[in-house]
Amino acid sequence: MNNEDQNKREWQWTGKRIEYNNTWPDCGMWHGDIQIEFDNWLKQQSLSQIFEVVKLSDSAQQVLYDNAKLNKLFSGILDIYDELPYRPDEAFDIAWRSLEIFMNHHRNIAWQADGDRTAPHLIMRTVKDLIMPLANKEKSVEDVFEGYLCNIPLSVLVFTILRCYIIHDLSINTQIKKVSERAEEVLTKDLYDDIKIQYKLEQDVKPAVDVLRNAALLLQLILKGREVTVNKHKYQLGLEKRLEFLLSCVLYTSRCERFHGDYFSPFKSDRANLDTYAFSYYLLAFCYIYLLTLIHRHCELNNIGEICSLDSILDAAKTMQDRMEPLIAKGK
């Protein structure tokens, strides 16, 4: 599409957004070209939703009734469903907010002596202290998280390379590190620098499309846990570091950008496509499954009864993964 066609299209879409503004609420919910295309895709897949809830256990009512903080948290999680199927980005915002609420709640119980309340630090602790012991004990848990790490949409990986290496400071206070600093810490400085050298990534220059794609494909291999050679050096990351990277450098970065960055509504844009849905649904599904797994572990470790079984979490995780797979494949 040349510049003239792009300008015409943006003019038309600006008009659409104005019309929606001026005819609301009579016009109903925004339902543009991409929503219609997504509807058609869902019908082709014989689906009404991509998202799958984790079914709660029979004991959940008593456990939630007895634990006001968890009951309050659960009420917030329910807000996710109101945004679906058309706004998985908004649903992700709710899931992430719920995750941060849970991490602080667990910290107040289990990590009172730890004075670091920042999200990246709490992410590191939840991965290390709650998830990894379970994954090391239950192969099915390891397999589910490996499955998500092995099937990340290419658009998510491209976004991550751009945010980790190109100037895009999302900091809002001194406690929140820049994305690049978090990436360097999790990947190690050596690997972070070697990626930068191999692809000649400069902070103030957007890479060419082929360079960006190749760097994203390398990151894909790294997050799959493969041994890679970067700038003549060999690297391989274990599950713990890969989970931490995905949470701290991908999901948390997206959350910060949506809350504090230069943000254009993704589903009211002329650039929206099915890959836009794949991007947001992936972040939502992973965040939700991670959160419910943490809740399961919290209940188990504190002996307060069962809100959701591990089998129920794994079933929902696999269902969403299977439903997302053809959508993710469209963007590769």
C-alpha atoms as a PDB file:
ATOM      1  CA  MET A   1       0.000   0.000   0.000  1.00  0.00           C
ATOM      2  CA  ASN A   2       1.517   3.344  -1.051  1.00  0.00           C
ATOM      3  CA  ASN A   3       1.422   6.532   1.007  1.00  0.00           C
ATOM      4  CA  GLU A   4      -1.565   7.928  -0.851  1.00  0.00           C
ATOM      5  CA  ASP A   5      -3.624   4.784  -0.217  1.00  0.00           C
ATOM      6  CA  GLN A   6      -2.535   4.737   3.424  1.00  0.00           C
ATOM      7  CA  ASN A   7      -3.615   8.352   3.854  1.00  0.00           C
ATOM      8  CA  LYS A   8      -7.006   7.635   2.280  1.00  0.00           C
ATOM      9  CA  ARG A   9      -7.501   4.623   4.536  1.00  0.00           C
ATOM     10  CA  GLU A  10      -6.573   6.544   7.671  1.00  0.00           C
ATOM     11  CA  TRP A  11      -8.949   9.346   6.639  1.00  0.00           C
ATOM     12  CA  GLN A  12     -11.765   6.793   6.283  1.00  0.00           C
ATOM     13  CA  TRP A  13     -10.987   5.177   9.645  1.00  0.00           C
ATOM     14  CA  THR A  14     -10.815   8.540  11.371  1.00  0.00           C
ATOM     15  CA  GLY A  15     -14.314   9.124  10.037  1.00  0.00           C
ATOM     16  CA  LYS A  16     -15.452   5.740  11.353  1.00  0.00           C
ATOM     17  CA  ARG A  17     -14.206   6.557  14.846  1.00  0.00           C
ATOM     18  CA  ILE A  18     -15.937   9.954  14.747  1.00  0.00           C
ATOM     19  CA  GLU A  19     -19.183   8.334  13.570  1.00  0.00           C
ATOM     20  CA  TYR A  20     -18.984   5.801  16.389  1.00  0.00           C
ATOM     21  CA  ASN A  21     -18.457   8.603  18.882  1.00  0.00           C
ATOM     22  CA  ASN A  22     -21.369  10.666  17.558  1.00  0.00           C
ATOM     23  CA  THR A  23     -23.846   7.771  17.300  1.00  0.00           C
ATOM     24  CA  TRP A  24     -23.104   6.039  20.594  1.00  0.00           C
ATOM     25  CA  PRO A  25     -24.984   4.469  22.385  1.00  0.00           C
ATOM     26  CA  ASP A  26     -27.552   3.938  19.604  1.00  0.00           C
ATOM     27  CA  CYS A  27     -24.910   2.262  17.408  1.00  0.00           C
ATOM     28  CA  GLY A  28     -24.206  -0.368  20.054  1.00  0.00           C
ATOM     29  CA  MET A  29     -20.803  -1.973  20.604  1.00  0.00           C
ATOM     30  CA  TRP A  30     -18.025  -1.207  18.111  1.00  0.00           C
ATOM     31  CA  HIS A  31     -18.156  -3.959  15.481  1.00  0.00           C
ATOM     32  CA  GLY A  32     -15.938  -3.112  12.556  1.00  0.00           C
ATOM     33  CA  ASP A  33     -14.178  -5.029   9.813  1.00  0.00           C
ATOM     34  CA  ILE A  34     -11.803  -6.919  12.084  1.00  0.00           C
ATOM     35  CA  GLN A  35     -14.552  -7.954  14.504  1.00  0.00           C
ATOM     36  CA  ILE A  36     -16.529  -9.342  11.563  1.00  0.00           C
ATOM     37  CA  GLU A  37     -13.434 -11.172  10.305  1.00  0.00           C
ATOM     38  CA  PHE A  38     -12.843 -12.565  13.795  1.00  0.00           C
ATOM     39  CA  ASP A  39     -16.479 -13.688  14.006  1.00  0.00           C
ATOM     40  CA  ASN A  40     -16.052 -15.551  10.733  1.00  0.00           C
ATOM     41  CA  TRP A  41     -12.821 -17.157  11.934  1.00  0.00           C
ATOM     42  CA  LEU A  42     -14.495 -18.336  15.144  1.00  0.00           C
ATOM     43  CA  LYS A  43     -17.340 -19.863  13.106  1.00  0.00           C
ATOM     44  CA  GLN A  44     -14.848 -21.652  10.863  1.00  0.00           C
ATOM     45  CA  GLN A  45     -13.262 -23.127  13.990  1.00  0.00           C
ATOM     46  CA  SER A  46     -16.722 -24.009  15.435  1.00  0.00           C
ATOM     47  CA  LEU A  47     -15.971 -21.793  18.439  1.00  0.00           C
ATOM     48  CA  SER A  48     -17.832 -19.105  20.324  1.00  0.00           C
ATOM     49  CA  GLN A  49     -14.786 -18.225  22.473  1.00  0.00           C
ATOM     50  CA  ILE A  50     -11.040 -18.828  22.489  1.00  0.00           C
ATOM     51  CA  PHE A  51     -10.843 -18.313  26.234  1.00  0.00           C
ATOM     52  CA  GLU A  52     -11.576 -21.205  28.589  1.00  0.00           C
ATOM     53  CA  VAL A  53     -12.257 -20.667  32.270  1.00  0.00           C
ATOM     54  CA  VAL A  54     -10.659 -22.793  34.962  1.00  0.00           C
ATOM     55  CA  LYS A  55     -13.531 -24.596  36.637  1.00  0.00           C
ATOM     56  CA  LEU A  56     -13.494 -24.172  40.413  1.00  0.00           C
ATOM     57  CA  SER A  57     -13.659 -27.039  42.889  1.00  0.00           C
ATOM     58  CA  ASP A  58     -16.651 -27.923  45.054  1.00  0.00           C
ATOM     59  CA  SER A  59     -14.726 -26.607  48.060  1.00  0.00           C
ATOM     60  CA  ALA A  60     -14.130 -23.188  46.444  1.00  0.00           C
ATOM     61  CA  GLN A  61     -17.177 -21.510  47.987  1.00  0.00           C
ATOM     62  CA  GLN A  62     -16.071 -22.275  51.530  1.00  0.00           C
ATOM     63  CA  VAL A  63     -12.425 -21.398  50.870  1.00  0.00           C
ATOM     64  CA  LEU A  64     -13.305 -18.075  49.266  1.00  0.00           C
ATOM     65  CA  TYR A  65     -15.853 -17.290  51.968  1.00  0.00           C
ATOM     66  CA  ASP A  66     -13.228 -17.903  54.647  1.00  0.00           C
ATOM     67  CA  ASN A  67     -10.528 -15.861  52.887  1.00  0.00           C
ATOM     68  CA  ALA A  68     -11.713 -12.332  52.152  1.00  0.00           C
ATOM     69  CA  LYS A  69      -8.611 -11.298  50.184  1.00  0.00           C
ATOM     70  CA  LEU A  70      -8.896 -14.240  47.804  1.00  0.00           C
ATOM     71  CA  ASN A  71     -12.651 -13.721  47.486  1.00  0.00           C
ATOM     72  CA  LYS A  72     -12.040 -10.110  46.499  1.00  0.00           C
ATOM     73  CA  LEU A  73      -9.388 -11.206  44.018  1.00  0.00           C
ATOM     74  CA  PHE A  74     -11.762 -13.751  42.466  1.00  0.00           C
ATOM     75  CA  SER A  75     -14.445 -11.091  41.981  1.00  0.00           C
ATOM     76  CA  GLY A  76     -11.956  -9.099  39.916  1.00  0.00           C
ATOM     77  CA  ILE A  77     -10.964 -12.099  37.813  1.00  0.00           C
ATOM     78  CA  LEU A  78     -14.613 -12.463  36.750  1.00  0.00           C
ATOM     79  CA  ASP A  79     -14.376  -9.074  35.010  1.00  0.00           C
ATOM     80  CA  ILE A  80     -12.139 -10.743  32.403  1.00  0.00           C
ATOM     81  CA  TYR A  81     -15.096 -12.560  30.884  1.00  0.00           C
ATOM     82  CA  ASP A  82     -17.048  -9.339  30.218  1.00  0.00           C
ATOM     83  CA  GLU A  83     -14.396  -8.213  27.691  1.00  0.00           C
ATOM     84  CA  LEU A  84     -14.523 -11.348  25.544  1.00  0.00           C
ATOM     85  CA  PRO A  85     -14.386 -12.348  22.796  1.00  0.00           C
ATOM     86  CA  TYR A  86     -13.657  -8.984  21.149  1.00  0.00           C
ATOM     87  CA  ARG A  87     -11.340  -7.221  23.612  1.00  0.00           C
ATOM     88  CA  PRO A  88      -8.701  -9.686  24.829  1.00  0.00           C
ATOM     89  CA  ASP A  89      -6.379  -6.704  25.350  1.00  0.00           C
ATOM     90  CA  GLU A  90      -8.707  -5.255  27.987  1.00  0.00           C
ATOM     91  CA  ALA A  91      -9.148  -8.734  29.468  1.00  0.00           C
ATOM     92  CA  PHE A  92      -5.357  -9.026  29.720  1.00  0.00           C
ATOM     93  CA  ASP A  93      -5.215  -5.733  31.631  1.00  0.00           C
ATOM     94  CA  ILE A  94      -7.632  -7.199  34.182  1.00  0.00           C
ATOM     95  CA  ALA A  95      -5.718 -10.483  34.385  1.00  0.00           C
ATOM     96  CA  TRP A  96      -2.433  -8.648  34.974  1.00  0.00           C
ATOM     97  CA  ARG A  97      -3.983  -6.394  37.612  1.00  0.00           C
ATOM     98  CA  SER A  98      -5.280  -9.521  39.357  1.00  0.00           C
ATOM     99  CA  LEU A  99      -1.818 -11.088  39.155  1.00  0.00           C
ATOM    100  CA  GLU A 100      -0.213  -8.064  40.806  1.00  0.00           C
ATOM    101  CA  ILE A 101      -2.863  -8.077  43.547  1.00  0.00           C
ATOM    102  CA  PHE A 102      -2.197 -11.760  44.193  1.00  0.00           C
ATOM    103  CA  MET A 103       1.594 -11.361  44.238  1.00  0.00           C
ATOM    104  CA  ASN A 104       1.354  -8.631  46.845  1.00  0.00           C
ATOM    105  CA  HIS A 105      -1.116 -10.676  48.887  1.00  0.00           C
ATOM    106  CA  HIS A 106       1.192 -13.698  48.877  1.00  0.00           C
ATOM    107  CA  ARG A 107       4.168 -11.482  49.684  1.00  0.00           C
ATOM    108  CA  ASN A 108       2.405 -10.136  52.787  1.00  0.00           C
ATOM    109  CA  ILE A 109       1.971 -13.715  54.014  1.00  0.00           C
ATOM    110  CA  ALA A 110       5.073 -15.564  52.856  1.00  0.00           C
ATOM    111  CA  TRP A 111       7.735 -12.930  52.137  1.00  0.00           C
ATOM    112  CA  GLN A 112       7.200 -10.287  54.794  1.00  0.00           C
ATOM    113  CA  ALA A 113      10.930  -9.759  55.275  1.00  0.00           C
ATOM    114  CA  ASP A 114      11.397  -8.997  51.584  1.00  0.00           C
ATOM    115  CA  GLY A 115      11.224  -5.236  51.188  1.00  0.00           C
ATOM    116  CA  ASP A 116      11.194  -5.213  47.367  1.00  0.00           C
ATOM    117  CA  ARG A 117       7.599  -4.751  46.223  1.00  0.00           C
ATOM    118  CA  THR A 118       8.316  -4.083  42.537  1.00  0.00           C
ATOM    119  CA  ALA A 119       6.544  -6.260  39.980  1.00  0.00           C
ATOM    120  CA  PRO A 120       9.742  -7.632  38.351  1.00  0.00           C
ATOM    121  CA  HIS A 121      11.050  -8.779  41.737  1.00  0.00           C
ATOM    122  CA  LEU A 122       7.760 -10.399  42.707  1.00  0.00           C
ATOM    123  CA  ILE A 123       7.644 -12.110  39.307  1.00  0.00           C
ATOM    124  CA  MET A 124      11.089 -13.550  39.944  1.00  0.00           C
ATOM    125  CA  ARG A 125      10.032 -14.819  43.364  1.00  0.00           C
ATOM    126  CA  THR A 126       6.796 -16.404  42.154  1.00  0.00           C
ATOM    127  CA  VAL A 127       8.637 -18.226  39.384  1.00  0.00           C
ATOM    128  CA  LYS A 128      11.432 -19.399  41.676  1.00  0.00           C
ATOM    129  CA  ASP A 129       9.489 -20.152  44.863  1.00  0.00           C
ATOM    130  CA  LEU A 130       6.056 -21.231  43.618  1.00  0.00           C
ATOM    131  CA  ILE A 131       6.142 -22.375  40.008  1.00  0.00           C
ATOM    132  CA  MET A 132       9.494 -24.134  39.636  1.00  0.00           C
ATOM    133  CA  PRO A 133       9.059 -26.491  42.629  1.00  0.00           C
ATOM    134  CA  LEU A 134       5.695 -27.526  41.163  1.00  0.00           C
ATOM    135  CA  ALA A 135       7.068 -27.887  37.623  1.00  0.00           C
ATOM    136  CA  ASN A 136       9.977 -29.959  38.926  1.00  0.00           C
ATOM    137  CA  LYS A 137       7.526 -32.255  40.721  1.00  0.00           C
ATOM    138  CA  GLU A 138       4.714 -32.397  38.139  1.00  0.00           C
ATOM    139  CA  LYS A 139       5.810 -33.094  34.566  1.00  0.00           C
ATOM    140  CA  SER A 140       2.387 -32.034  33.296  1.00  0.00           C
ATOM    141  CA  VAL A 141       2.940 -28.516  34.681  1.00  0.00           C
ATOM    142  CA  GLU A 142       6.339 -28.279  33.033  1.00  0.00           C
ATOM    143  CA  ASP A 143       4.828 -29.483  29.758  1.00  0.00           C
ATOM    144  CA  VAL A 144       2.078 -26.854  29.799  1.00  0.00           C
ATOM    145  CA  PHE A 145       4.460 -23.959  30.376  1.00  0.00           C
ATOM    146  CA  GLU A 146       6.888 -25.337  27.813  1.00  0.00           C
ATOM    147  CA  GLY A 147       3.987 -25.544  25.378  1.00  0.00           C
ATOM    148  CA  TYR A 148       3.202 -21.865  25.821  1.00  0.00           C
ATOM    149  CA  LEU A 149       6.874 -20.903  25.509  1.00  0.00           C
ATOM    150  CA  CYS A 150       7.162 -22.919  22.290  1.00  0.00           C
ATOM    151  CA  ASN A 151       4.162 -21.298  20.590  1.00  0.00           C
ATOM    152  CA  ILE A 152       4.548 -17.549  21.049  1.00  0.00           C
ATOM    153  CA  PRO A 153       3.080 -15.429  18.221  1.00  0.00           C
ATOM    154  CA  LEU A 154       5.764 -13.895  16.033  1.00  0.00           C
ATOM    155  CA  SER A 155       4.192 -10.470  16.587  1.00  0.00           C
ATOM    156  CA  VAL A 156       4.820 -10.835  20.328  1.00  0.00           C
ATOM    157  CA  LEU A 157       8.471 -11.690  19.683  1.00  0.00           C
ATOM    158  CA  VAL A 158       8.923  -8.734  17.314  1.00  0.00           C
ATOM    159  CA  PHE A 159       7.337  -6.440  19.917  1.00  0.00           C
ATOM    160  CA  THR A 160       9.744  -7.797  22.520  1.00  0.00           C
ATOM    161  CA  ILE A 161      12.868  -7.205  20.419  1.00  0.00           C
ATOM    162  CA  LEU A 162      11.773  -3.651  19.716  1.00  0.00           C
ATOM    163  CA  ARG A 163      11.092  -2.898  23.365  1.00  0.00           C
ATOM    164  CA  CYS A 164      14.231  -4.598  24.699  1.00  0.00           C
ATOM    165  CA  TYR A 165      16.659  -2.957  22.281  1.00  0.00           C
ATOM    166  CA  ILE A 166      15.132   0.195  20.837  1.00  0.00           C
ATOM    167  CA  ILE A 167      14.646   3.274  23.014  1.00  0.00           C
ATOM    168  CA  HIS A 168      11.157   3.051  24.462  1.00  0.00           C
ATOM    169  CA  ASP A 169      11.385   3.991  28.119  1.00  0.00           C
ATOM    170  CA  LEU A 170       8.136   3.057  29.839  1.00  0.00           C
ATOM    171  CA  SER A 171       9.338   4.005  33.314  1.00  0.00           C
ATOM    172  CA  ILE A 172       7.039   6.120  35.450  1.00  0.00           C
ATOM    173  CA  ASN A 173       9.112   6.167  38.633  1.00  0.00           C
ATOM    174  CA  THR A 174      12.532   5.200  39.910  1.00  0.00           C
ATOM    175  CA  GLN A 175      11.353   1.776  41.092  1.00  0.00           C
ATOM    176  CA  ILE A 176      10.446   0.550  37.624  1.00  0.00           C
ATOM    177  CA  LYS A 177      13.466  -0.391  35.525  1.00  0.00           C
ATOM    178  CA  LYS A 178      13.632   0.126  31.810  1.00  0.00           C
ATOM    179  CA  VAL A 179      12.716  -2.850  29.690  1.00  0.00           C
ATOM    180  CA  SER A 180      16.272  -3.162  28.420  1.00  0.00           C
ATOM    181  CA  GLU A 181      17.614  -3.365  31.964  1.00  0.00           C
ATOM    182  CA  ARG A 182      15.181  -6.137  32.853  1.00  0.00           C
ATOM    183  CA  ALA A 183      16.067  -8.045  29.684  1.00  0.00           C
ATOM    184  CA  GLU A 184      19.785  -7.736  30.388  1.00  0.00           C
ATOM    185  CA  GLU A 185      19.281  -8.974  33.933  1.00  0.00           C
ATOM    186  CA  VAL A 186      17.214 -12.022  32.975  1.00  0.00           C
ATOM    187  CA  LEU A 187      19.047 -13.036  29.799  1.00  0.00           C
ATOM    188  CA  THR A 188      22.479 -12.169  31.286  1.00  0.00           C
ATOM    189  CA  LYS A 189      24.497  -9.244  29.991  1.00  0.00           C
ATOM    190  CA  ASP A 190      26.552 -11.487  27.708  1.00  0.00           C
ATOM    191  CA  LEU A 191      23.569 -12.890  25.812  1.00  0.00           C
ATOM    192  CA  TYR A 192      21.787  -9.533  25.713  1.00  0.00           C
ATOM    193  CA  ASP A 193      24.888  -7.836  24.261  1.00  0.00           C
ATOM    194  CA  ASP A 194      25.591 -10.624  21.773  1.00  0.00           C
ATOM    195  CA  ILE A 195      22.068 -10.343  20.321  1.00  0.00           C
ATOM    196  CA  LYS A 196      22.604  -6.601  20.005  1.00  0.00           C
ATOM    197  CA  ILE A 197      25.963  -7.107  18.253  1.00  0.00           C
ATOM    198  CA  GLN A 198      24.822  -9.914  15.939  1.00  0.00           C
ATOM    199  CA  TYR A 199      21.867  -7.932  14.566  1.00  0.00           C
ATOM    200  CA  LYS A 200      23.507  -4.481  14.841  1.00  0.00           C
ATOM    201  CA  LEU A 201      20.634  -3.191  16.971  1.00  0.00           C
ATOM    202  CA  GLU A 202      20.895   0.498  17.800  1.00  0.00           C
ATOM    203  CA  GLN A 203      18.804   2.202  20.455  1.00  0.00           C
ATOM    204  CA  ASP A 204      17.619   5.056  18.265  1.00  0.00           C
ATOM    205  CA  VAL A 205      17.220   3.224  14.930  1.00  0.00           C
ATOM    206  CA  LYS A 206      14.334   0.919  14.030  1.00  0.00           C
ATOM    207  CA  PRO A 207      15.783  -2.239  12.412  1.00  0.00           C
ATOM    208  CA  ALA A 208      14.990  -3.280   8.857  1.00  0.00           C
ATOM    209  CA  VAL A 209      12.072  -5.728   8.609  1.00  0.00           C
ATOM    210  CA  ASP A 210      14.274  -8.741   7.811  1.00  0.00           C
ATOM    211  CA  VAL A 211      16.696  -7.935  10.643  1.00  0.00           C
ATOM    212  CA  LEU A 212      13.825  -7.557  13.091  1.00  0.00           C
ATOM    213  CA  ARG A 213      12.252 -10.826  11.973  1.00  0.00           C
ATOM    214  CA  ASN A 214      15.545 -12.728  12.254  1.00  0.00           C
ATOM    215  CA  ALA A 215      16.189 -11.355  15.740  1.00  0.00           C
ATOM    216  CA  ALA A 216      12.641 -12.342  16.740  1.00  0.00           C
ATOM    217  CA  LEU A 217      13.161 -15.858  15.368  1.00  0.00           C
ATOM    218  CA  LEU A 218      16.349 -16.165  17.415  1.00  0.00           C
ATOM    219  CA  LEU A 219      14.436 -15.075  20.512  1.00  0.00           C
ATOM    220  CA  GLN A 220      11.858 -17.715  19.625  1.00  0.00           C
ATOM    221  CA  LEU A 221      14.542 -20.430  19.782  1.00  0.00           C
ATOM    222  CA  ILE A 222      15.889 -19.044  23.061  1.00  0.00           C
ATOM    223  CA  LEU A 223      12.441 -19.115  24.674  1.00  0.00           C
ATOM    224  CA  LYS A 224      11.897 -22.658  23.412  1.00  0.00           C
ATOM    225  CA  GLY A 225      14.938 -23.632  25.464  1.00  0.00           C
ATOM    226  CA  ARG A 226      17.113 -24.493  22.474  1.00  0.00           C
ATOM    227  CA  GLU A 227      20.876 -24.119  22.523  1.00  0.00           C
ATOM    228  CA  VAL A 228      21.736 -21.188  20.268  1.00  0.00           C
ATOM    229  CA  THR A 229      24.936 -19.670  18.937  1.00  0.00           C
ATOM    230  CA  VAL A 230      24.904 -15.888  19.100  1.00  0.00           C
ATOM    231  CA  ASN A 231      27.900 -13.850  17.981  1.00  0.00           C
ATOM    232  CA  LYS A 232      29.972 -17.085  18.101  1.00  0.00           C
ATOM    233  CA  HIS A 233      28.985 -17.832  21.717  1.00  0.00           C
ATOM    234  CA  LYS A 234      26.677 -20.658  22.824  1.00  0.00           C
ATOM    235  CA  TYR A 235      23.723 -20.072  25.164  1.00  0.00           C
ATOM    236  CA  GLN A 236      20.812 -22.059  26.567  1.00  0.00           C
ATOM    237  CA  LEU A 237      18.266 -20.866  29.098  1.00  0.00           C
ATOM    238  CA  GLY A 238      16.419 -23.100  31.553  1.00  0.00           C
ATOM    239  CA  LEU A 239      12.680 -22.987  32.157  1.00  0.00           C
ATOM    240  CA  GLU A 240      12.959 -20.686  35.177  1.00  0.00           C
ATOM    241  CA  LYS A 241      14.726 -17.880  33.295  1.00  0.00           C
ATOM    242  CA  ARG A 242      12.508 -18.276  30.244  1.00  0.00           C
ATOM    243  CA  LEU A 243       9.366 -17.918  32.334  1.00  0.00           C
ATOM    244  CA  GLU A 244      10.815 -14.910  34.101  1.00  0.00           C
ATOM    245  CA  PHE A 245      11.696 -13.310  30.766  1.00  0.00           C
ATOM    246  CA  LEU A 246       8.225 -13.901  29.339  1.00  0.00           C
ATOM    247  CA  LEU A 247       6.542 -12.422  32.404  1.00  0.00           C
ATOM    248  CA  SER A 248       8.921  -9.558  33.146  1.00  0.00           C
ATOM    249  CA  CYS A 249      10.044  -8.505  29.672  1.00  0.00           C
ATOM    250  CA  VAL A 250       6.989  -9.356  27.580  1.00  0.00           C
ATOM    251  CA  LEU A 251       3.771  -9.326  29.616  1.00  0.00           C
ATOM    252  CA  TYR A 252       4.844  -6.666  32.108  1.00  0.00           C
ATOM    253  CA  THR A 253       6.219  -4.491  29.302  1.00  0.00           C
ATOM    254  CA  SER A 254       2.948  -4.723  27.395  1.00  0.00           C
ATOM    255  CA  ARG A 255       1.034  -3.880  30.548  1.00  0.00           C
ATOM    256  CA  CYS A 256       3.224  -0.811  31.194  1.00  0.00           C
ATOM    257  CA  GLU A 257       2.873   0.383  27.620  1.00  0.00           C
ATOM    258  CA  ARG A 258      -0.906   0.064  27.702  1.00  0.00           C
ATOM    259  CA  PHE A 259      -1.132   1.908  31.015  1.00  0.00           C
ATOM    260  CA  HIS A 260       1.531   4.572  30.561  1.00  0.00           C
ATOM    261  CA  GLY A 261       2.773   4.554  26.982  1.00  0.00           C
ATOM    262  CA  ASP A 262       1.868   6.224  23.694  1.00  0.00           C
ATOM    263  CA  TYR A 263      -1.111   3.990  23.030  1.00  0.00           C
ATOM    264  CA  PHE A 264      -3.487   3.547  20.055  1.00  0.00           C
ATOM    265  CA  SER A 265      -6.535   1.353  20.596  1.00  0.00           C
ATOM    266  CA  PRO A 266      -5.551  -1.850  18.744  1.00  0.00           C
ATOM    267  CA  PHE A 267      -9.038  -2.913  17.684  1.00  0.00           C
ATOM    268  CA  LYS A 268     -10.207   0.509  16.451  1.00  0.00           C
ATOM    269  CA  SER A 269      -7.273   0.832  14.081  1.00  0.00           C
ATOM    270  CA  ASP A 270      -7.171   0.266  10.324  1.00  0.00           C
ATOM    271  CA  ARG A 271      -4.120  -1.953  10.953  1.00  0.00           C
ATOM    272  CA  ALA A 272      -6.008  -4.438  13.102  1.00  0.00           C
ATOM    273  CA  ASN A 273      -6.027  -8.007  11.804  1.00  0.00           C
ATOM    274  CA  LEU A 274      -6.329 -11.542  13.148  1.00  0.00           C
ATOM    275  CA  ASP A 275      -2.748 -11.370  14.384  1.00  0.00           C
ATOM    276  CA  THR A 276      -3.836  -8.496  16.638  1.00  0.00           C
ATOM    277  CA  TYR A 277      -6.157 -10.993  18.300  1.00  0.00           C
ATOM    278  CA  ALA A 278      -3.416 -13.640  18.486  1.00  0.00           C
ATOM    279  CA  PHE A 279      -1.114 -11.154  20.241  1.00  0.00           C
ATOM    280  CA  SER A 280      -3.606 -10.196  22.940  1.00  0.00           C
ATOM    281  CA  TYR A 281      -5.115 -13.643  23.422  1.00  0.00           C
ATOM    282  CA  TYR A 282      -1.674 -15.135  23.992  1.00  0.00           C
ATOM    283  CA  LEU A 283      -0.822 -12.607  26.708  1.00  0.00           C
ATOM    284  CA  LEU A 284      -4.243 -13.085  28.303  1.00  0.00           C
ATOM    285  CA  ALA A 285      -4.150 -16.894  28.284  1.00  0.00           C
ATOM    286  CA  PHE A 286      -0.640 -17.147  29.693  1.00  0.00           C
ATOM    287  CA  CYS A 287      -1.263 -14.543  32.401  1.00  0.00           C
ATOM    288  CA  TYR A 288      -4.527 -16.208  33.449  1.00  0.00           C
ATOM    289  CA  ILE A 289      -3.066 -19.713  33.636  1.00  0.00           C
ATOM    290  CA  TYR A 290      -0.025 -18.439  35.510  1.00  0.00           C
ATOM    291  CA  LEU A 291      -2.267 -16.616  38.008  1.00  0.00           C
ATOM    292  CA  LEU A 292      -4.537 -19.614  38.622  1.00  0.00           C
ATOM    293  CA  THR A 293      -1.503 -21.851  39.099  1.00  0.00           C
ATOM    294  CA  LEU A 294      -0.177 -19.428  41.712  1.00  0.00           C
ATOM    295  CA  ILE A 295      -3.532 -19.408  43.490  1.00  0.00           C
ATOM    296  CA  HIS A 296      -3.525 -23.215  43.527  1.00  0.00           C
ATOM    297  CA  ARG A 297      -0.008 -23.235  45.005  1.00  0.00           C
ATOM    298  CA  HIS A 298      -0.886 -20.571  47.577  1.00  0.00           C
ATOM    299  CA  CYS A 299      -3.835 -22.594  48.841  1.00  0.00           C
ATOM    300  CA  GLU A 300      -1.752 -25.765  48.915  1.00  0.00           C
ATOM    301  CA  LEU A 301       1.186 -24.225  50.785  1.00  0.00           C
ATOM    302  CA  ASN A 302      -1.035 -22.459  53.322  1.00  0.00           C
ATOM    303  CA  ASN A 303      -3.308 -25.490  53.795  1.00  0.00           C
ATOM    304  CA  ILE A 304      -6.515 -23.495  53.341  1.00  0.00           C
ATOM    305  CA  GLY A 305      -8.344 -25.878  51.021  1.00  0.00           C
ATOM    306  CA  GLU A 306      -8.717 -26.080  47.254  1.00  0.00           C
ATOM    307  CA  ILE A 307     -10.124 -23.337  45.037  1.00  0.00           C
ATOM    308  CA  CYS A 308      -9.156 -25.007  41.780  1.00  0.00           C
ATOM    309  CA  SER A 309      -7.505 -28.317  41.075  1.00  0.00           C
ATOM    310  CA  LEU A 310      -4.298 -28.605  39.115  1.00  0.00           C
ATOM    311  CA  ASP A 311      -6.092 -30.818  36.574  1.00  0.00           C
ATOM    312  CA  SER A 312      -8.688 -28.101  35.972  1.00  0.00           C
ATOM    313  CA  ILE A 313      -5.948 -25.519  35.360  1.00  0.00           C
ATOM    314  CA  LEU A 314      -4.062 -27.785  32.986  1.00  0.00           C
ATOM    315  CA  ASP A 315      -7.241 -28.673  31.066  1.00  0.00           C
ATOM    316  CA  ALA A 316      -8.086 -24.985  30.515  1.00  0.00           C
ATOM    317  CA  ALA A 317      -4.483 -24.212  29.558  1.00  0.00           C
ATOM    318  CA  LYS A 318      -4.405 -26.967  26.947  1.00  0.00           C
ATOM    319  CA  THR A 319      -7.830 -26.035  25.563  1.00  0.00           C
ATOM    320  CA  MET A 320      -6.800 -22.416  25.026  1.00  0.00           C
ATOM    321  CA  GLN A 321      -3.489 -23.463  23.529  1.00  0.00           C
ATOM    322  CA  ASP A 322      -5.246 -25.714  21.023  1.00  0.00           C
ATOM    323  CA  ARG A 323      -7.761 -22.996  20.126  1.00  0.00           C
ATOM    324  CA  MET A 324      -5.062 -20.339  19.674  1.00  0.00           C
ATOM    325  CA  GLU A 325      -2.742 -22.501  17.586  1.00  0.00           C
ATOM    326  CA  PRO A 326      -4.397 -21.914  14.166  1.00  0.00           C
ATOM    327  CA  LEU A 327      -4.742 -18.197  14.946  1.00  0.00           C
ATOM    328  CA  ILE A 328      -1.057 -17.925  15.872  1.00  0.00           C
ATOM    329  CA  ALA A 329      -0.102 -19.892  12.756  1.00  0.00           C
ATOM    330  CA  LYS A 330      -1.727 -17.214  10.557  1.00  0.00           C
ATOM    331  CA  GLY A 331       0.788 -14.652  11.782  1.00  0.00           C
ATOM    332  CA  LYS A 332       3.948 -16.696  11.118  1.00  0.00           C
END
